[in-house]
Amino acid sequence: MENYNPSGFGKHTVKLKFLYENAKAEVIAEMGGNVCGGSILNGFTDLDCGITARSKESVNRKHCRFFLDDLQENRKFAEVEGIYFFYPNSDSLEMDIEDATDYLISVEIIYYENEE
């Protein structure tokens, strides 16, 4: 993102990065409303209450295990049940979202759009 100047209500797209040993995972999520900056980032640092993510996003399809009910109803957003980590040799490891929180290493706002 090259420019960031939120005002009023908007939609933030956020990238969450996880690292366990040398296995990596990423999740793309969104948050809307009259919040910005640190408030957005803080909203994603405690995932014990869950997280919803775009179920059609290719990164999320690779790294997220979604609640089946959300997928069956063909929702745009689905609740994440677990995270798939991938090692450089293509082996993988799955963690529940509550456990994966301990391995969250980065929360970055990657896109912002004003809602008018």
N, C-alpha and C. Protein backbone atom coordinates (compact mmCIF):
# COMPACT_ATOMS: atom_id res chain seq x y z
N MET A 1 0.85 -1.17 0.00
CA MET A 1 0.00 0.00 0.00
C MET A 1 0.91 1.24 0.00
N GLU A 2 0.61 2.16 -0.86
CA GLU A 2 1.46 3.34 -1.00
C GLU A 2 0.89 4.58 -0.32
N ASN A 3 -0.41 4.59 -0.02
CA ASN A 3 -1.04 5.77 0.57
C ASN A 3 -2.06 5.31 1.60
N TYR A 4 -2.08 5.95 2.76
CA TYR A 4 -3.04 5.58 3.81
C TYR A 4 -3.49 6.84 4.52
N ASN A 5 -4.76 7.20 4.35
CA ASN A 5 -5.32 8.37 5.02
C ASN A 5 -6.82 8.13 5.23
N PRO A 6 -7.15 7.23 6.18
CA PRO A 6 -8.56 6.91 6.38
C PRO A 6 -9.33 8.06 7.01
N SER A 7 -10.58 8.19 6.60
CA SER A 7 -11.45 9.20 7.21
C SER A 7 -12.87 8.66 7.21
N GLY A 8 -13.48 8.63 8.37
CA GLY A 8 -14.84 8.12 8.47
C GLY A 8 -14.90 6.62 8.32
N PHE A 9 -15.99 6.16 7.74
CA PHE A 9 -16.20 4.73 7.59
C PHE A 9 -15.43 4.20 6.38
N GLY A 10 -14.83 3.04 6.55
CA GLY A 10 -14.09 2.43 5.46
C GLY A 10 -13.91 0.94 5.67
N LYS A 11 -13.33 0.30 4.67
CA LYS A 11 -13.06 -1.13 4.73
C LYS A 11 -11.56 -1.35 4.62
N HIS A 12 -11.00 -2.05 5.60
CA HIS A 12 -9.59 -2.38 5.62
C HIS A 12 -9.41 -3.85 5.24
N THR A 13 -8.43 -4.12 4.39
CA THR A 13 -8.02 -5.48 4.10
C THR A 13 -6.71 -5.70 4.82
N VAL A 14 -6.63 -6.79 5.56
CA VAL A 14 -5.49 -7.05 6.45
C VAL A 14 -4.88 -8.41 6.13
N LYS A 15 -3.55 -8.47 6.12
CA LYS A 15 -2.84 -9.74 5.95
C LYS A 15 -2.26 -10.16 7.29
N LEU A 16 -2.59 -11.37 7.72
CA LEU A 16 -2.05 -11.94 8.94
C LEU A 16 -1.03 -13.01 8.55
N LYS A 17 0.16 -12.94 9.13
CA LYS A 17 1.20 -13.93 8.84
C LYS A 17 1.50 -14.72 10.10
N PHE A 18 1.65 -16.03 9.92
CA PHE A 18 1.94 -16.94 11.01
C PHE A 18 3.23 -17.68 10.69
N LEU A 19 3.99 -18.03 11.74
CA LEU A 19 5.22 -18.80 11.57
C LEU A 19 5.34 -19.78 12.72
N TYR A 20 5.45 -21.06 12.41
CA TYR A 20 5.70 -22.10 13.41
C TYR A 20 6.91 -22.89 12.93
N GLU A 21 7.98 -22.87 13.72
CA GLU A 21 9.26 -23.39 13.27
C GLU A 21 9.58 -22.67 11.95
N ASN A 22 9.73 -23.40 10.84
CA ASN A 22 9.92 -22.70 9.57
C ASN A 22 8.72 -22.91 8.63
N ALA A 23 7.59 -23.30 9.21
CA ALA A 23 6.34 -23.45 8.45
C ALA A 23 5.58 -22.13 8.49
N LYS A 24 5.04 -21.72 7.34
CA LYS A 24 4.38 -20.42 7.23
C LYS A 24 2.92 -20.57 6.84
N ALA A 25 2.14 -19.55 7.22
CA ALA A 25 0.74 -19.46 6.83
C ALA A 25 0.36 -17.99 6.72
N GLU A 26 -0.62 -17.70 5.87
CA GLU A 26 -1.14 -16.34 5.71
C GLU A 26 -2.66 -16.40 5.62
N VAL A 27 -3.29 -15.36 6.13
CA VAL A 27 -4.74 -15.22 6.03
C VAL A 27 -5.04 -13.78 5.64
N ILE A 28 -5.97 -13.59 4.71
CA ILE A 28 -6.43 -12.27 4.31
C ILE A 28 -7.82 -12.07 4.92
N ALA A 29 -7.97 -10.99 5.69
CA ALA A 29 -9.24 -10.71 6.36
C ALA A 29 -9.62 -9.26 6.11
N GLU A 30 -10.85 -8.91 6.44
CA GLU A 30 -11.33 -7.53 6.27
C GLU A 30 -12.00 -7.05 7.55
N MET A 31 -11.96 -5.74 7.74
CA MET A 31 -12.67 -5.11 8.85
C MET A 31 -13.20 -3.78 8.35
N GLY A 32 -14.45 -3.52 8.62
CA GLY A 32 -15.05 -2.26 8.21
C GLY A 32 -15.52 -1.47 9.41
N GLY A 33 -15.88 -0.23 9.15
CA GLY A 33 -16.40 0.62 10.21
C GLY A 33 -15.62 1.90 10.35
N ASN A 34 -15.87 2.59 11.44
CA ASN A 34 -15.23 3.88 11.72
C ASN A 34 -14.02 3.66 12.62
N VAL A 35 -13.08 2.84 12.15
CA VAL A 35 -11.85 2.54 12.88
C VAL A 35 -10.68 2.64 11.91
N CYS A 36 -9.48 2.79 12.46
CA CYS A 36 -8.31 2.88 11.58
C CYS A 36 -7.05 2.52 12.36
N GLY A 37 -5.97 2.36 11.62
CA GLY A 37 -4.64 2.16 12.18
C GLY A 37 -4.53 1.11 13.25
N GLY A 38 -4.04 1.52 14.43
CA GLY A 38 -3.82 0.61 15.54
C GLY A 38 -5.06 -0.12 15.99
N SER A 39 -6.21 0.52 15.90
CA SER A 39 -7.46 -0.14 16.29
C SER A 39 -7.73 -1.34 15.39
N ILE A 40 -7.44 -1.21 14.12
CA ILE A 40 -7.60 -2.32 13.19
C ILE A 40 -6.62 -3.43 13.55
N LEU A 41 -5.36 -3.08 13.73
CA LEU A 41 -4.34 -4.08 14.02
C LEU A 41 -4.62 -4.80 15.33
N ASN A 42 -5.02 -4.06 16.36
CA ASN A 42 -5.34 -4.69 17.65
C ASN A 42 -6.50 -5.66 17.53
N GLY A 43 -7.42 -5.39 16.62
CA GLY A 43 -8.57 -6.26 16.45
C GLY A 43 -8.22 -7.64 15.94
N PHE A 44 -7.01 -7.81 15.44
CA PHE A 44 -6.60 -9.10 14.90
C PHE A 44 -5.52 -9.79 15.73
N THR A 45 -5.14 -9.24 16.87
CA THR A 45 -4.07 -9.86 17.65
C THR A 45 -4.57 -10.91 18.63
N ASP A 46 -5.85 -10.92 18.95
CA ASP A 46 -6.42 -11.94 19.83
C ASP A 46 -7.45 -12.72 19.04
N LEU A 47 -7.03 -13.86 18.52
CA LEU A 47 -7.90 -14.65 17.65
C LEU A 47 -8.69 -15.71 18.41
N ASP A 48 -8.59 -15.72 19.75
CA ASP A 48 -9.33 -16.70 20.54
C ASP A 48 -10.83 -16.56 20.34
N CYS A 49 -11.29 -15.39 19.98
CA CYS A 49 -12.72 -15.16 19.73
C CYS A 49 -13.09 -15.51 18.30
N GLY A 50 -12.12 -15.94 17.51
CA GLY A 50 -12.38 -16.34 16.14
C GLY A 50 -12.04 -15.25 15.14
N ILE A 51 -12.11 -15.62 13.89
CA ILE A 51 -11.84 -14.71 12.79
C ILE A 51 -12.67 -15.18 11.59
N THR A 52 -13.16 -14.23 10.83
CA THR A 52 -13.81 -14.56 9.57
C THR A 52 -12.94 -14.05 8.44
N ALA A 53 -12.95 -14.79 7.35
CA ALA A 53 -12.12 -14.43 6.20
C ALA A 53 -12.87 -14.74 4.92
N ARG A 54 -12.43 -14.13 3.84
CA ARG A 54 -13.05 -14.38 2.54
C ARG A 54 -12.77 -15.82 2.11
N SER A 55 -13.82 -16.60 1.97
CA SER A 55 -13.65 -18.03 1.67
C SER A 55 -13.20 -18.28 0.23
N LYS A 56 -13.37 -17.33 -0.66
CA LYS A 56 -12.98 -17.51 -2.06
C LYS A 56 -11.56 -17.04 -2.36
N GLU A 57 -10.92 -16.34 -1.42
CA GLU A 57 -9.55 -15.83 -1.59
C GLU A 57 -8.60 -17.02 -1.69
N SER A 58 -7.74 -17.05 -2.73
CA SER A 58 -6.87 -18.21 -2.95
C SER A 58 -5.94 -18.47 -1.77
N VAL A 59 -5.38 -17.43 -1.18
CA VAL A 59 -4.51 -17.61 0.00
C VAL A 59 -5.30 -18.27 1.13
N ASN A 60 -6.52 -17.83 1.34
CA ASN A 60 -7.34 -18.39 2.41
C ASN A 60 -7.75 -19.83 2.12
N ARG A 61 -8.05 -20.15 0.87
CA ARG A 61 -8.40 -21.54 0.54
C ARG A 61 -7.24 -22.47 0.84
N LYS A 62 -6.02 -21.98 0.66
CA LYS A 62 -4.84 -22.80 0.93
C LYS A 62 -4.56 -22.92 2.42
N HIS A 63 -4.71 -21.84 3.18
CA HIS A 63 -4.24 -21.81 4.56
C HIS A 63 -5.34 -21.90 5.62
N CYS A 64 -6.60 -21.90 5.24
CA CYS A 64 -7.68 -21.88 6.24
C CYS A 64 -8.56 -23.12 6.16
N ARG A 65 -8.92 -23.63 7.32
CA ARG A 65 -10.00 -24.62 7.41
C ARG A 65 -11.21 -23.86 7.91
N PHE A 66 -12.23 -23.76 7.08
CA PHE A 66 -13.43 -23.00 7.41
C PHE A 66 -14.49 -23.91 8.03
N PHE A 67 -15.39 -23.30 8.82
CA PHE A 67 -16.54 -24.04 9.31
C PHE A 67 -17.36 -24.50 8.12
N LEU A 68 -17.69 -25.77 8.09
CA LEU A 68 -18.39 -26.36 6.95
C LEU A 68 -19.73 -25.70 6.68
N ASP A 69 -20.47 -25.35 7.73
CA ASP A 69 -21.78 -24.71 7.54
C ASP A 69 -21.65 -23.42 6.74
N ASP A 70 -20.61 -22.63 7.02
CA ASP A 70 -20.41 -21.37 6.30
C ASP A 70 -20.13 -21.63 4.82
N LEU A 71 -19.35 -22.68 4.53
CA LEU A 71 -19.03 -22.99 3.14
C LEU A 71 -20.24 -23.54 2.40
N GLN A 72 -21.01 -24.37 3.08
CA GLN A 72 -22.18 -24.96 2.43
C GLN A 72 -23.23 -23.91 2.08
N GLU A 73 -23.28 -22.85 2.86
CA GLU A 73 -24.22 -21.78 2.58
C GLU A 73 -23.67 -20.79 1.56
N ASN A 74 -22.47 -21.09 1.04
CA ASN A 74 -21.83 -20.28 0.00
C ASN A 74 -21.69 -18.82 0.40
N ARG A 75 -21.31 -18.59 1.64
CA ARG A 75 -21.12 -17.23 2.13
C ARG A 75 -19.82 -16.64 1.60
N LYS A 76 -19.81 -15.32 1.41
CA LYS A 76 -18.60 -14.62 0.97
C LYS A 76 -17.52 -14.70 2.06
N PHE A 77 -17.95 -14.60 3.32
CA PHE A 77 -17.04 -14.71 4.46
C PHE A 77 -17.41 -15.94 5.26
N ALA A 78 -16.40 -16.62 5.79
CA ALA A 78 -16.63 -17.82 6.59
C ALA A 78 -15.74 -17.77 7.82
N GLU A 79 -16.21 -18.40 8.89
CA GLU A 79 -15.41 -18.43 10.12
C GLU A 79 -14.28 -19.45 9.97
N VAL A 80 -13.08 -19.04 10.37
CA VAL A 80 -11.90 -19.89 10.27
C VAL A 80 -11.84 -20.78 11.51
N GLU A 81 -11.75 -22.08 11.26
CA GLU A 81 -11.65 -23.06 12.34
C GLU A 81 -10.20 -23.43 12.63
N GLY A 82 -9.39 -23.48 11.57
CA GLY A 82 -8.01 -23.87 11.72
C GLY A 82 -7.13 -23.25 10.66
N ILE A 83 -5.82 -23.33 10.89
CA ILE A 83 -4.82 -22.77 9.98
C ILE A 83 -3.90 -23.90 9.52
N TYR A 84 -3.62 -23.92 8.21
CA TYR A 84 -2.66 -24.87 7.64
C TYR A 84 -1.34 -24.15 7.44
N PHE A 85 -0.30 -24.66 8.06
CA PHE A 85 1.06 -24.16 7.90
C PHE A 85 1.77 -25.04 6.88
N PHE A 86 2.63 -24.44 6.06
CA PHE A 86 3.38 -25.20 5.07
C PHE A 86 4.87 -25.00 5.27
N TYR A 87 5.59 -26.13 5.35
CA TYR A 87 7.05 -26.12 5.45
C TYR A 87 7.64 -25.94 4.05
N PRO A 88 8.89 -25.50 3.97
CA PRO A 88 9.53 -25.32 2.66
C PRO A 88 9.54 -26.60 1.80
N ASN A 89 9.57 -27.77 2.44
CA ASN A 89 9.59 -29.03 1.69
C ASN A 89 8.19 -29.50 1.32
N SER A 90 7.18 -28.65 1.50
CA SER A 90 5.77 -28.90 1.17
C SER A 90 5.01 -29.73 2.19
N ASP A 91 5.67 -30.20 3.25
CA ASP A 91 4.92 -30.83 4.34
C ASP A 91 4.02 -29.78 4.96
N SER A 92 2.96 -30.23 5.61
CA SER A 92 2.04 -29.27 6.22
C SER A 92 1.69 -29.67 7.64
N LEU A 93 1.16 -28.72 8.36
CA LEU A 93 0.75 -28.89 9.75
C LEU A 93 -0.51 -28.07 9.94
N GLU A 94 -1.49 -28.63 10.66
CA GLU A 94 -2.73 -27.90 10.91
C GLU A 94 -2.84 -27.58 12.40
N MET A 95 -3.31 -26.37 12.70
CA MET A 95 -3.56 -25.94 14.08
C MET A 95 -4.94 -25.32 14.17
N ASP A 96 -5.58 -25.51 15.32
CA ASP A 96 -6.81 -24.77 15.59
C ASP A 96 -6.47 -23.29 15.65
N ILE A 97 -7.43 -22.45 15.34
CA ILE A 97 -7.19 -21.00 15.31
C ILE A 97 -6.72 -20.49 16.66
N GLU A 98 -7.23 -21.06 17.75
CA GLU A 98 -6.82 -20.61 19.09
C GLU A 98 -5.34 -20.88 19.33
N ASP A 99 -4.84 -22.03 18.87
CA ASP A 99 -3.42 -22.35 19.04
C ASP A 99 -2.55 -21.53 18.07
N ALA A 100 -3.04 -21.30 16.87
CA ALA A 100 -2.28 -20.55 15.87
C ALA A 100 -2.02 -19.12 16.31
N THR A 101 -2.88 -18.58 17.18
CA THR A 101 -2.69 -17.21 17.68
C THR A 101 -1.30 -17.02 18.28
N ASP A 102 -0.77 -18.06 18.92
CA ASP A 102 0.55 -17.98 19.54
C ASP A 102 1.67 -17.82 18.52
N TYR A 103 1.38 -18.07 17.26
CA TYR A 103 2.39 -18.02 16.21
C TYR A 103 2.12 -16.92 15.19
N LEU A 104 1.25 -15.99 15.55
CA LEU A 104 0.97 -14.81 14.72
C LEU A 104 2.17 -13.87 14.82
N ILE A 105 2.80 -13.58 13.69
CA ILE A 105 4.01 -12.74 13.74
C ILE A 105 3.83 -11.38 13.07
N SER A 106 2.75 -11.21 12.29
CA SER A 106 2.59 -9.95 11.58
C SER A 106 1.12 -9.71 11.27
N VAL A 107 0.70 -8.46 11.46
CA VAL A 107 -0.63 -8.01 11.05
C VAL A 107 -0.39 -6.72 10.26
N GLU A 108 -0.76 -6.73 8.98
CA GLU A 108 -0.46 -5.60 8.10
C GLU A 108 -1.71 -5.17 7.34
N ILE A 109 -1.99 -3.89 7.37
CA ILE A 109 -3.06 -3.34 6.53
C ILE A 109 -2.51 -3.27 5.11
N ILE A 110 -3.17 -3.97 4.18
CA ILE A 110 -2.66 -4.01 2.81
C ILE A 110 -3.54 -3.24 1.83
N TYR A 111 -4.75 -2.85 2.27
CA TYR A 111 -5.63 -2.09 1.38
C TYR A 111 -6.67 -1.37 2.22
N TYR A 112 -7.04 -0.17 1.78
CA TYR A 112 -8.10 0.59 2.45
C TYR A 112 -8.99 1.22 1.39
N GLU A 113 -10.30 1.18 1.66
CA GLU A 113 -11.27 1.79 0.75
C GLU A 113 -12.30 2.54 1.58
N ASN A 114 -12.49 3.83 1.27
CA ASN A 114 -13.53 4.63 1.94
C ASN A 114 -14.91 4.10 1.58
N GLU A 115 -15.79 4.08 2.56
CA GLU A 115 -17.19 3.75 2.31
C GLU A 115 -17.97 5.04 2.39
N GLU A 116 -18.58 5.41 1.31
CA GLU A 116 -19.28 6.69 1.28
C GLU A 116 -20.77 6.51 1.38
